[in-house]
Amino acid sequence: MKKFNPKSYEEALKQLEKITESMQNNDLPLEEALAAYQQGQELVQYCQQKLAEVEQKLQVFDNGELKELKLDAEQ
């Protein structure tokens, strides 16, 4: 299985879905399944990193100024 370098979160997610489907269908020989698993782990880390970056950038407009969005239950 060749290395996949995603250009976006959505692209990484689509590739991760393809890997998951092929592994669930038992379509891969053992060595390829291991490579797919490793690639899937890398894609999961990529997606987690992108989500963390977006979460940090989320802002809301409040009284004419931008403030960081706080995602806790006490809002």
N, C-alpha and C. Protein backbone atom coordinates (compact mmCIF):
# COMPACT_ATOMS: atom_id res chain seq x y z
N MET A 1 0.85 -1.17 0.00
CA MET A 1 0.00 0.00 0.00
C MET A 1 0.90 1.23 0.00
N LYS A 2 0.67 2.13 -0.97
CA LYS A 2 1.52 3.31 -1.08
C LYS A 2 1.14 4.36 -0.05
N LYS A 3 2.11 5.18 0.29
CA LYS A 3 1.93 6.26 1.28
C LYS A 3 0.95 7.29 0.73
N PHE A 4 0.02 7.72 1.57
CA PHE A 4 -0.99 8.70 1.17
C PHE A 4 -0.78 9.96 1.98
N ASN A 5 -0.55 11.08 1.32
CA ASN A 5 -0.38 12.36 1.98
C ASN A 5 -1.60 13.23 1.70
N PRO A 6 -2.50 13.34 2.67
CA PRO A 6 -3.73 14.10 2.44
C PRO A 6 -3.47 15.59 2.29
N LYS A 7 -4.30 16.22 1.49
CA LYS A 7 -4.22 17.66 1.29
C LYS A 7 -5.22 18.40 2.18
N SER A 8 -6.17 17.65 2.73
CA SER A 8 -7.19 18.25 3.58
C SER A 8 -7.74 17.21 4.55
N TYR A 9 -8.46 17.70 5.54
CA TYR A 9 -9.11 16.83 6.52
C TYR A 9 -10.09 15.90 5.82
N GLU A 10 -10.86 16.47 4.88
CA GLU A 10 -11.88 15.68 4.18
C GLU A 10 -11.24 14.57 3.35
N GLU A 11 -10.15 14.88 2.70
CA GLU A 11 -9.45 13.88 1.90
C GLU A 11 -8.90 12.77 2.79
N ALA A 12 -8.35 13.14 3.94
CA ALA A 12 -7.83 12.15 4.88
C ALA A 12 -8.96 11.26 5.39
N LEU A 13 -10.09 11.86 5.69
CA LEU A 13 -11.24 11.10 6.19
C LEU A 13 -11.75 10.11 5.15
N LYS A 14 -11.82 10.54 3.89
CA LYS A 14 -12.25 9.63 2.83
C LYS A 14 -11.30 8.44 2.69
N GLN A 15 -10.00 8.72 2.75
CA GLN A 15 -9.02 7.64 2.64
C GLN A 15 -9.13 6.70 3.84
N LEU A 16 -9.35 7.26 5.01
CA LEU A 16 -9.51 6.45 6.21
C LEU A 16 -10.74 5.56 6.10
N GLU A 17 -11.81 6.08 5.53
CA GLU A 17 -13.02 5.28 5.32
C GLU A 17 -12.75 4.13 4.34
N LYS A 18 -11.98 4.39 3.27
CA LYS A 18 -11.64 3.34 2.31
C LYS A 18 -10.82 2.24 2.98
N ILE A 19 -9.86 2.65 3.79
CA ILE A 19 -9.02 1.68 4.49
C ILE A 19 -9.87 0.83 5.43
N THR A 20 -10.73 1.49 6.18
CA THR A 20 -11.60 0.78 7.12
C THR A 20 -12.48 -0.23 6.40
N GLU A 21 -13.06 0.20 5.29
CA GLU A 21 -13.94 -0.70 4.52
C GLU A 21 -13.18 -1.91 3.99
N SER A 22 -11.99 -1.69 3.43
CA SER A 22 -11.24 -2.82 2.88
C SER A 22 -10.79 -3.78 3.98
N MET A 23 -10.48 -3.24 5.16
CA MET A 23 -10.08 -4.12 6.27
C MET A 23 -11.28 -4.89 6.81
N GLN A 24 -12.44 -4.25 6.85
CA GLN A 24 -13.64 -4.94 7.33
C GLN A 24 -14.08 -6.04 6.39
N ASN A 25 -13.83 -5.85 5.10
CA ASN A 25 -14.22 -6.84 4.11
C ASN A 25 -13.20 -7.95 3.94
N ASN A 26 -12.14 -7.89 4.71
CA ASN A 26 -11.06 -8.88 4.62
C ASN A 26 -10.53 -9.00 3.20
N ASP A 27 -10.43 -7.86 2.50
CA ASP A 27 -9.96 -7.85 1.12
C ASP A 27 -8.44 -7.84 1.01
N LEU A 28 -7.73 -7.70 2.12
CA LEU A 28 -6.29 -7.51 2.06
C LEU A 28 -5.53 -8.70 2.65
N PRO A 29 -4.43 -9.06 1.99
CA PRO A 29 -3.53 -10.05 2.61
C PRO A 29 -2.94 -9.46 3.89
N LEU A 30 -2.41 -10.30 4.74
CA LEU A 30 -1.93 -9.88 6.05
C LEU A 30 -0.96 -8.72 5.99
N GLU A 31 0.05 -8.79 5.14
CA GLU A 31 1.05 -7.72 5.04
C GLU A 31 0.42 -6.40 4.61
N GLU A 32 -0.50 -6.45 3.67
CA GLU A 32 -1.18 -5.23 3.22
C GLU A 32 -2.11 -4.70 4.30
N ALA A 33 -2.73 -5.61 5.06
CA ALA A 33 -3.60 -5.18 6.14
C ALA A 33 -2.80 -4.44 7.21
N LEU A 34 -1.60 -4.93 7.50
CA LEU A 34 -0.75 -4.26 8.47
C LEU A 34 -0.35 -2.88 7.97
N ALA A 35 0.03 -2.78 6.70
CA ALA A 35 0.39 -1.49 6.11
C ALA A 35 -0.81 -0.54 6.13
N ALA A 36 -1.99 -1.07 5.84
CA ALA A 36 -3.21 -0.25 5.85
C ALA A 36 -3.51 0.25 7.26
N TYR A 37 -3.30 -0.63 8.24
CA TYR A 37 -3.52 -0.23 9.63
C TYR A 37 -2.58 0.91 10.02
N GLN A 38 -1.31 0.77 9.64
CA GLN A 38 -0.33 1.82 9.95
C GLN A 38 -0.70 3.13 9.26
N GLN A 39 -1.10 3.04 8.02
CA GLN A 39 -1.52 4.24 7.28
C GLN A 39 -2.76 4.85 7.95
N GLY A 40 -3.67 4.00 8.36
CA GLY A 40 -4.86 4.48 9.05
C GLY A 40 -4.52 5.22 10.33
N GLN A 41 -3.56 4.71 11.08
CA GLN A 41 -3.12 5.38 12.31
C GLN A 41 -2.56 6.77 12.00
N GLU A 42 -1.78 6.87 10.92
CA GLU A 42 -1.22 8.16 10.52
C GLU A 42 -2.34 9.13 10.11
N LEU A 43 -3.33 8.62 9.40
CA LEU A 43 -4.45 9.46 8.99
C LEU A 43 -5.28 9.93 10.19
N VAL A 44 -5.46 9.05 11.17
CA VAL A 44 -6.18 9.43 12.39
C VAL A 44 -5.42 10.55 13.10
N GLN A 45 -4.11 10.42 13.21
CA GLN A 45 -3.31 11.47 13.85
C GLN A 45 -3.41 12.78 13.07
N TYR A 46 -3.36 12.70 11.74
CA TYR A 46 -3.50 13.89 10.90
C TYR A 46 -4.85 14.56 11.17
N CYS A 47 -5.92 13.78 11.19
CA CYS A 47 -7.26 14.32 11.41
C CYS A 47 -7.36 14.95 12.80
N GLN A 48 -6.82 14.28 13.80
CA GLN A 48 -6.85 14.82 15.16
C GLN A 48 -6.10 16.15 15.23
N GLN A 49 -4.97 16.23 14.55
CA GLN A 49 -4.18 17.46 14.54
C GLN A 49 -4.96 18.59 13.87
N LYS A 50 -5.58 18.28 12.72
CA LYS A 50 -6.37 19.30 12.02
C LYS A 50 -7.54 19.77 12.87
N LEU A 51 -8.22 18.85 13.54
CA LEU A 51 -9.34 19.23 14.39
C LEU A 51 -8.88 20.10 15.55
N ALA A 52 -7.73 19.79 16.13
CA ALA A 52 -7.19 20.59 17.23
C ALA A 52 -6.85 22.00 16.74
N GLU A 53 -6.29 22.09 15.54
CA GLU A 53 -5.96 23.41 14.98
C GLU A 53 -7.22 24.24 14.76
N VAL A 54 -8.25 23.60 14.22
CA VAL A 54 -9.51 24.31 13.96
C VAL A 54 -10.16 24.72 15.28
N GLU A 55 -10.13 23.83 16.25
CA GLU A 55 -10.72 24.15 17.55
C GLU A 55 -10.06 25.38 18.16
N GLN A 56 -8.76 25.48 18.02
CA GLN A 56 -8.03 26.64 18.56
C GLN A 56 -8.42 27.92 17.83
N LYS A 57 -8.77 27.81 16.56
CA LYS A 57 -9.08 28.99 15.76
C LYS A 57 -10.55 29.41 15.83
N LEU A 58 -11.38 28.52 16.36
CA LEU A 58 -12.81 28.86 16.44
C LEU A 58 -13.00 30.11 17.26
N GLN A 59 -13.71 31.00 16.69
CA GLN A 59 -13.97 32.25 17.40
C GLN A 59 -15.43 32.64 17.17
N VAL A 60 -15.95 33.39 18.10
CA VAL A 60 -17.31 33.90 17.96
C VAL A 60 -17.28 35.42 18.01
N PHE A 61 -18.20 36.03 17.32
CA PHE A 61 -18.30 37.48 17.30
C PHE A 61 -19.17 37.90 18.48
N ASP A 62 -18.58 38.71 19.38
CA ASP A 62 -19.29 39.08 20.60
C ASP A 62 -19.07 40.57 20.89
N ASN A 63 -20.10 41.38 20.76
CA ASN A 63 -20.03 42.82 21.04
C ASN A 63 -18.92 43.52 20.26
N GLY A 64 -18.81 43.22 18.99
CA GLY A 64 -17.87 43.91 18.14
C GLY A 64 -16.44 43.42 18.21
N GLU A 65 -16.15 42.40 18.97
CA GLU A 65 -14.79 41.88 19.03
C GLU A 65 -14.80 40.36 18.93
N LEU A 66 -13.72 39.83 18.41
CA LEU A 66 -13.60 38.39 18.29
C LEU A 66 -13.05 37.81 19.58
N LYS A 67 -13.68 36.76 20.05
CA LYS A 67 -13.22 36.08 21.26
C LYS A 67 -13.09 34.60 20.95
N GLU A 68 -12.19 33.94 21.64
CA GLU A 68 -12.07 32.50 21.49
C GLU A 68 -13.34 31.83 21.99
N LEU A 69 -13.79 30.84 21.27
CA LEU A 69 -14.96 30.08 21.65
C LEU A 69 -14.59 29.11 22.74
N LYS A 70 -15.30 29.14 23.85
CA LYS A 70 -15.04 28.21 24.95
C LYS A 70 -16.10 27.12 24.88
N LEU A 71 -15.65 25.89 24.81
CA LEU A 71 -16.57 24.76 24.63
C LEU A 71 -16.77 23.99 25.94
N ASP A 72 -17.13 24.69 27.01
CA ASP A 72 -17.39 23.99 28.24
C ASP A 72 -18.88 24.10 28.60
N ALA A 73 -19.31 23.33 29.54
CA ALA A 73 -20.73 23.24 29.88
C ALA A 73 -21.25 24.45 30.64
N GLU A 74 -20.38 25.32 31.13
CA GLU A 74 -20.81 26.45 31.96
C GLU A 74 -21.13 27.70 31.19
N GLN A 75 -21.26 27.67 29.87
CA GLN A 75 -21.52 28.88 29.08
C GLN A 75 -22.88 29.42 29.33
